[in-house]
């Protein structure tokens, strides 16, 4: 079922209100919203940040030309989500830019790094939301560095970055 453009526009408008709020500019947390536009904040451990960096390095090494920005805001039907790392090809970047900020089109790869506060149900929901707005793959990195690759279903390896290992060690 297609997503109602008005729902995604509501999420974009709410996100832009949040971005303009001077009291929220320097929060030391990952910020997302839920379906009602309420703020969700998550503190990061250094290990989490190290895993994010390791994923960015892997994407840089194993994917074709593209970018690997962290915490890229995406408007979904259930709020604005910010995957820990994404991979965007130059062509997709142009398509995404045309949808507004935050984008209503996901990058080809969205990566979530699990933290103790995350649940499996939350990750399932995020995988579904990212795929619903166009992600080709969603990777979930466990706290010990195991990467699980998802397309329509779980895969043994990434189809976009087939040489990428299924386990990482942060430096």
C-alpha atoms as a PDB file:
ATOM      1  CA  UNK A   1       0.000   0.000   0.000  1.00  0.00           C
ATOM      2  CA  UNK A   2       1.474   3.392  -1.006  1.00  0.00           C
ATOM      3  CA  UNK A   3       2.344   5.889   1.711  1.00  0.00           C
ATOM      4  CA  UNK A   4       0.101   8.957   1.866  1.00  0.00           C
ATOM      5  CA  UNK A   5       2.281  11.929   0.818  1.00  0.00           C
ATOM      6  CA  UNK A   6       0.516  14.135   3.377  1.00  0.00           C
ATOM      7  CA  UNK A   7       1.679  11.871   6.244  1.00  0.00           C
ATOM      8  CA  UNK A   8       5.300  12.139   5.108  1.00  0.00           C
ATOM      9  CA  UNK A   9       4.930  15.915   4.649  1.00  0.00           C
ATOM     10  CA  UNK A  10       3.600  16.174   8.232  1.00  0.00           C
ATOM     11  CA  UNK A  11       6.713  14.346   9.439  1.00  0.00           C
ATOM     12  CA  UNK A  12       8.960  16.656   7.401  1.00  0.00           C
ATOM     13  CA  UNK A  13       7.235  19.774   8.740  1.00  0.00           C
ATOM     14  CA  UNK A  14       7.506  18.588  12.363  1.00  0.00           C
ATOM     15  CA  UNK A  15      11.177  17.701  11.868  1.00  0.00           C
ATOM     16  CA  UNK A  16      11.933  21.139  10.451  1.00  0.00           C
ATOM     17  CA  UNK A  17      10.291  22.731  13.527  1.00  0.00           C
ATOM     18  CA  UNK A  18      12.610  20.628  15.711  1.00  0.00           C
ATOM     19  CA  UNK A  19      15.688  21.547  13.653  1.00  0.00           C
ATOM     20  CA  UNK A  20      14.886  25.273  14.010  1.00  0.00           C
ATOM     21  CA  UNK A  21      14.442  25.063  17.806  1.00  0.00           C
ATOM     22  CA  UNK A  22      17.586  26.628  19.329  1.00  0.00           C
ATOM     23  CA  UNK A  23      17.122  24.690  22.582  1.00  0.00           C
ATOM     24  CA  UNK A  24      17.556  21.395  20.709  1.00  0.00           C
ATOM     25  CA  UNK A  25      20.520  22.251  18.464  1.00  0.00           C
ATOM     26  CA  UNK A  26      23.360  20.896  20.570  1.00  0.00           C
ATOM     27  CA  UNK A  27      21.851  17.826  22.179  1.00  0.00           C
ATOM     28  CA  UNK A  28      24.514  15.124  22.631  1.00  0.00           C
ATOM     29  CA  UNK A  29      22.070  12.410  21.574  1.00  0.00           C
ATOM     30  CA  UNK A  30      20.711  10.719  18.501  1.00  0.00           C
ATOM     31  CA  UNK A  31      17.346  12.395  17.914  1.00  0.00           C
ATOM     32  CA  UNK A  32      14.353  10.857  16.155  1.00  0.00           C
ATOM     33  CA  UNK A  33      10.581  11.277  16.375  1.00  0.00           C
ATOM     34  CA  UNK A  34       7.710   8.864  16.748  1.00  0.00           C
ATOM     35  CA  UNK A  35       4.513   8.798  14.656  1.00  0.00           C
ATOM     36  CA  UNK A  36       3.055  11.673  16.704  1.00  0.00           C
ATOM     37  CA  UNK A  37       6.105  13.886  16.230  1.00  0.00           C
ATOM     38  CA  UNK A  38       7.346  13.473  19.796  1.00  0.00           C
ATOM     39  CA  UNK A  39      11.109  13.535  20.351  1.00  0.00           C
ATOM     40  CA  UNK A  40      12.972  10.314  21.009  1.00  0.00           C
ATOM     41  CA  UNK A  41      16.538  10.770  22.237  1.00  0.00           C
ATOM     42  CA  UNK A  42      19.147   8.051  22.640  1.00  0.00           C
ATOM     43  CA  UNK A  43      22.532   8.492  24.256  1.00  0.00           C
ATOM     44  CA  UNK A  44      25.457   6.733  22.573  1.00  0.00           C
ATOM     45  CA  UNK A  45      28.289   4.812  24.145  1.00  0.00           C
ATOM     46  CA  UNK A  46      31.777   5.106  22.720  1.00  0.00           C
ATOM     47  CA  UNK A  47      31.517   1.466  21.567  1.00  0.00           C
ATOM     48  CA  UNK A  48      28.392   2.374  19.574  1.00  0.00           C
ATOM     49  CA  UNK A  49      30.235   5.255  17.908  1.00  0.00           C
ATOM     50  CA  UNK A  50      33.218   2.993  17.190  1.00  0.00           C
ATOM     51  CA  UNK A  51      30.904   0.468  15.493  1.00  0.00           C
ATOM     52  CA  UNK A  52      29.351   3.283  13.423  1.00  0.00           C
ATOM     53  CA  UNK A  53      32.807   4.298  12.247  1.00  0.00           C
ATOM     54  CA  UNK A  54      33.740   0.681  11.445  1.00  0.00           C
ATOM     55  CA  UNK A  55      30.576   0.322   9.340  1.00  0.00           C
ATOM     56  CA  UNK A  56      31.368   3.558   7.482  1.00  0.00           C
ATOM     57  CA  UNK A  57      34.860   2.222   6.754  1.00  0.00           C
ATOM     58  CA  UNK A  58      33.411  -1.068   5.456  1.00  0.00           C
ATOM     59  CA  UNK A  59      30.964   0.734   3.201  1.00  0.00           C
ATOM     60  CA  UNK A  60      33.725   2.950   1.860  1.00  0.00           C
ATOM     61  CA  UNK A  61      35.830  -0.132   1.090  1.00  0.00           C
ATOM     62  CA  UNK A  62      33.157  -2.489  -0.287  1.00  0.00           C
ATOM     63  CA  UNK A  63      30.617  -0.331  -2.121  1.00  0.00           C
ATOM     64  CA  UNK A  64      30.845   1.476  -5.410  1.00  0.00           C
ATOM     65  CA  UNK A  65      31.115   5.243  -5.525  1.00  0.00           C
ATOM     66  CA  UNK A  66      28.826   6.824  -2.985  1.00  0.00           C
ATOM     67  CA  UNK A  67      28.641   8.484   0.411  1.00  0.00           C
ATOM     68  CA  UNK A  68      28.371   7.051   3.944  1.00  0.00           C
ATOM     69  CA  UNK A  69      26.943   9.788   6.185  1.00  0.00           C
ATOM     70  CA  UNK A  70      26.017   9.002   9.804  1.00  0.00           C
ATOM     71  CA  UNK A  71      22.583   9.563  11.332  1.00  0.00           C
ATOM     72  CA  UNK A  72      20.839  10.659   8.135  1.00  0.00           C
ATOM     73  CA  UNK A  73      17.285  11.905   8.829  1.00  0.00           C
ATOM     74  CA  UNK A  74      14.517  10.097   6.927  1.00  0.00           C
ATOM     75  CA  UNK A  75      10.796  10.882   7.082  1.00  0.00           C
ATOM     76  CA  UNK A  76       8.795   7.676   7.524  1.00  0.00           C
ATOM     77  CA  UNK A  77       5.088   7.131   8.172  1.00  0.00           C
ATOM     78  CA  UNK A  78       5.982   6.563  11.844  1.00  0.00           C
ATOM     79  CA  UNK A  79       8.202   9.567  12.449  1.00  0.00           C
ATOM     80  CA  UNK A  80      11.632  10.764  11.441  1.00  0.00           C
ATOM     81  CA  UNK A  81      14.250   8.074  11.895  1.00  0.00           C
ATOM     82  CA  UNK A  82      18.009   8.469  11.629  1.00  0.00           C
ATOM     83  CA  UNK A  83      19.858   5.276  10.709  1.00  0.00           C
ATOM     84  CA  UNK A  84      23.289   5.147  12.342  1.00  0.00           C
ATOM     85  CA  UNK A  85      24.997   4.992   8.931  1.00  0.00           C
ATOM     86  CA  UNK A  86      23.673   4.986   5.364  1.00  0.00           C
ATOM     87  CA  UNK A  87      25.151   4.401   1.936  1.00  0.00           C
ATOM     88  CA  UNK A  88      23.879   6.641  -0.881  1.00  0.00           C
ATOM     89  CA  UNK A  89      24.840   6.420  -4.550  1.00  0.00           C
ATOM     90  CA  UNK A  90      25.165   9.707  -6.485  1.00  0.00           C
ATOM     91  CA  UNK A  91      21.992   8.967  -8.483  1.00  0.00           C
ATOM     92  CA  UNK A  92      19.949   8.156  -5.377  1.00  0.00           C
ATOM     93  CA  UNK A  93      21.254  11.321  -3.673  1.00  0.00           C
ATOM     94  CA  UNK A  94      19.707  13.416  -6.468  1.00  0.00           C
ATOM     95  CA  UNK A  95      16.391  11.559  -6.142  1.00  0.00           C
ATOM     96  CA  UNK A  96      16.425  11.973  -2.362  1.00  0.00           C
ATOM     97  CA  UNK A  97      17.178  15.692  -2.538  1.00  0.00           C
ATOM     98  CA  UNK A  98      14.057  16.195  -4.688  1.00  0.00           C
ATOM     99  CA  UNK A  99      11.849  14.772  -1.897  1.00  0.00           C
ATOM    100  CA  UNK A 100      12.769  17.445   0.661  1.00  0.00           C
ATOM    101  CA  UNK A 101      14.564  17.501   3.978  1.00  0.00           C
ATOM    102  CA  UNK A 102      14.323  15.118   5.695  1.00  0.00           C
ATOM    103  CA  UNK A 103      14.117  12.853   2.679  1.00  0.00           C
ATOM    104  CA  UNK A 104      11.038  10.707   2.125  1.00  0.00           C
ATOM    105  CA  UNK A 105      13.163   8.335   0.017  1.00  0.00           C
ATOM    106  CA  UNK A 106      15.685   6.127   1.809  1.00  0.00           C
ATOM    107  CA  UNK A 107      19.275   5.553   0.688  1.00  0.00           C
ATOM    108  CA  UNK A 108      20.086   2.169  -0.823  1.00  0.00           C
ATOM    109  CA  UNK A 109      21.563   0.894   2.471  1.00  0.00           C
ATOM    110  CA  UNK A 110      20.419   1.883   5.978  1.00  0.00           C
ATOM    111  CA  UNK A 111      22.425   0.570   8.942  1.00  0.00           C
ATOM    112  CA  UNK A 112      21.333   0.402  12.564  1.00  0.00           C
ATOM    113  CA  UNK A 113      23.822  -0.380  15.332  1.00  0.00           C
ATOM    114  CA  UNK A 114      22.164  -2.097  18.273  1.00  0.00           C
ATOM    115  CA  UNK A 115      22.617  -0.681  21.748  1.00  0.00           C
ATOM    116  CA  UNK A 116      21.422  -2.080  25.081  1.00  0.00           C
ATOM    117  CA  UNK A 117      18.326   0.147  24.874  1.00  0.00           C
ATOM    118  CA  UNK A 118      17.208  -1.323  21.514  1.00  0.00           C
ATOM    119  CA  UNK A 119      14.793  -4.229  21.201  1.00  0.00           C
ATOM    120  CA  UNK A 120      14.434  -6.746  18.393  1.00  0.00           C
ATOM    121  CA  UNK A 121      10.877  -5.467  17.818  1.00  0.00           C
ATOM    122  CA  UNK A 122      12.184  -1.904  17.404  1.00  0.00           C
ATOM    123  CA  UNK A 123      14.729  -3.094  14.819  1.00  0.00           C
ATOM    124  CA  UNK A 124      12.060  -5.053  12.924  1.00  0.00           C
ATOM    125  CA  UNK A 125       9.926  -1.911  12.787  1.00  0.00           C
ATOM    126  CA  UNK A 126      12.837   0.232  11.575  1.00  0.00           C
ATOM    127  CA  UNK A 127      13.744  -2.357   8.923  1.00  0.00           C
ATOM    128  CA  UNK A 128      10.142  -2.306   7.707  1.00  0.00           C
ATOM    129  CA  UNK A 129       9.983   1.502   7.672  1.00  0.00           C
ATOM    130  CA  UNK A 130      13.280   1.919   5.793  1.00  0.00           C
ATOM    131  CA  UNK A 131      12.255  -0.687   3.204  1.00  0.00           C
ATOM    132  CA  UNK A 132       8.822   0.957   2.882  1.00  0.00           C
ATOM    133  CA  UNK A 133      10.443   4.251   1.832  1.00  0.00           C
ATOM    134  CA  UNK A 134      12.842   2.618  -0.616  1.00  0.00           C
ATOM    135  CA  UNK A 135      15.873   1.123   1.142  1.00  0.00           C
ATOM    136  CA  UNK A 136      17.181  -1.834  -0.814  1.00  0.00           C
ATOM    137  CA  UNK A 137      19.003  -3.247   2.199  1.00  0.00           C
ATOM    138  CA  UNK A 138      18.958  -2.740   5.941  1.00  0.00           C
ATOM    139  CA  UNK A 139      21.900  -3.920   8.015  1.00  0.00           C
ATOM    140  CA  UNK A 140      21.663  -4.483  11.749  1.00  0.00           C
ATOM    141  CA  UNK A 141      24.945  -4.563  13.651  1.00  0.00           C
ATOM    142  CA  UNK A 142      24.930  -6.340  17.003  1.00  0.00           C
ATOM    143  CA  UNK A 143      26.822  -5.013  20.000  1.00  0.00           C
ATOM    144  CA  UNK A 144      29.550  -7.607  19.410  1.00  0.00           C
ATOM    145  CA  UNK A 145      29.969  -6.594  15.759  1.00  0.00           C
ATOM    146  CA  UNK A 146      27.894  -9.221  13.943  1.00  0.00           C
ATOM    147  CA  UNK A 147      26.191  -7.775  10.852  1.00  0.00           C
ATOM    148  CA  UNK A 148      22.823  -9.119   9.707  1.00  0.00           C
ATOM    149  CA  UNK A 149      21.807  -8.188   6.161  1.00  0.00           C
ATOM    150  CA  UNK A 150      18.160  -7.756   5.153  1.00  0.00           C
ATOM    151  CA  UNK A 151      16.451  -7.209   1.824  1.00  0.00           C
ATOM    152  CA  UNK A 152      12.967  -8.621   1.446  1.00  0.00           C
ATOM    153  CA  UNK A 153      14.211 -11.244   3.930  1.00  0.00           C
ATOM    154  CA  UNK A 154      17.439 -11.941   5.798  1.00  0.00           C
ATOM    155  CA  UNK A 155      20.390 -12.593   3.487  1.00  0.00           C
ATOM    156  CA  UNK A 156      23.761 -14.297   3.991  1.00  0.00           C
ATOM    157  CA  UNK A 157      25.516 -11.215   2.619  1.00  0.00           C
ATOM    158  CA  UNK A 158      24.830  -7.856   1.047  1.00  0.00           C
ATOM    159  CA  UNK A 159      23.925  -7.819  -2.630  1.00  0.00           C
ATOM    160  CA  UNK A 160      25.166  -4.235  -2.949  1.00  0.00           C
ATOM    161  CA  UNK A 161      28.445  -4.893  -1.102  1.00  0.00           C
ATOM    162  CA  UNK A 162      28.921  -8.678  -1.490  1.00  0.00           C
ATOM    163  CA  UNK A 163      32.532  -8.590  -0.272  1.00  0.00           C
ATOM    164  CA  UNK A 164      31.542  -7.042   3.049  1.00  0.00           C
ATOM    165  CA  UNK A 165      32.220  -9.388   5.990  1.00  0.00           C
ATOM    166  CA  UNK A 166      29.436 -10.346   8.397  1.00  0.00           C
ATOM    167  CA  UNK A 167      31.460  -9.343  11.463  1.00  0.00           C
ATOM    168  CA  UNK A 168      33.380  -6.180  12.332  1.00  0.00           C
ATOM    169  CA  UNK A 169      35.759  -5.171  15.068  1.00  0.00           C
ATOM    170  CA  UNK A 170      35.822  -1.490  15.900  1.00  0.00           C
ATOM    171  CA  UNK A 171      39.267   0.031  16.285  1.00  0.00           C
END
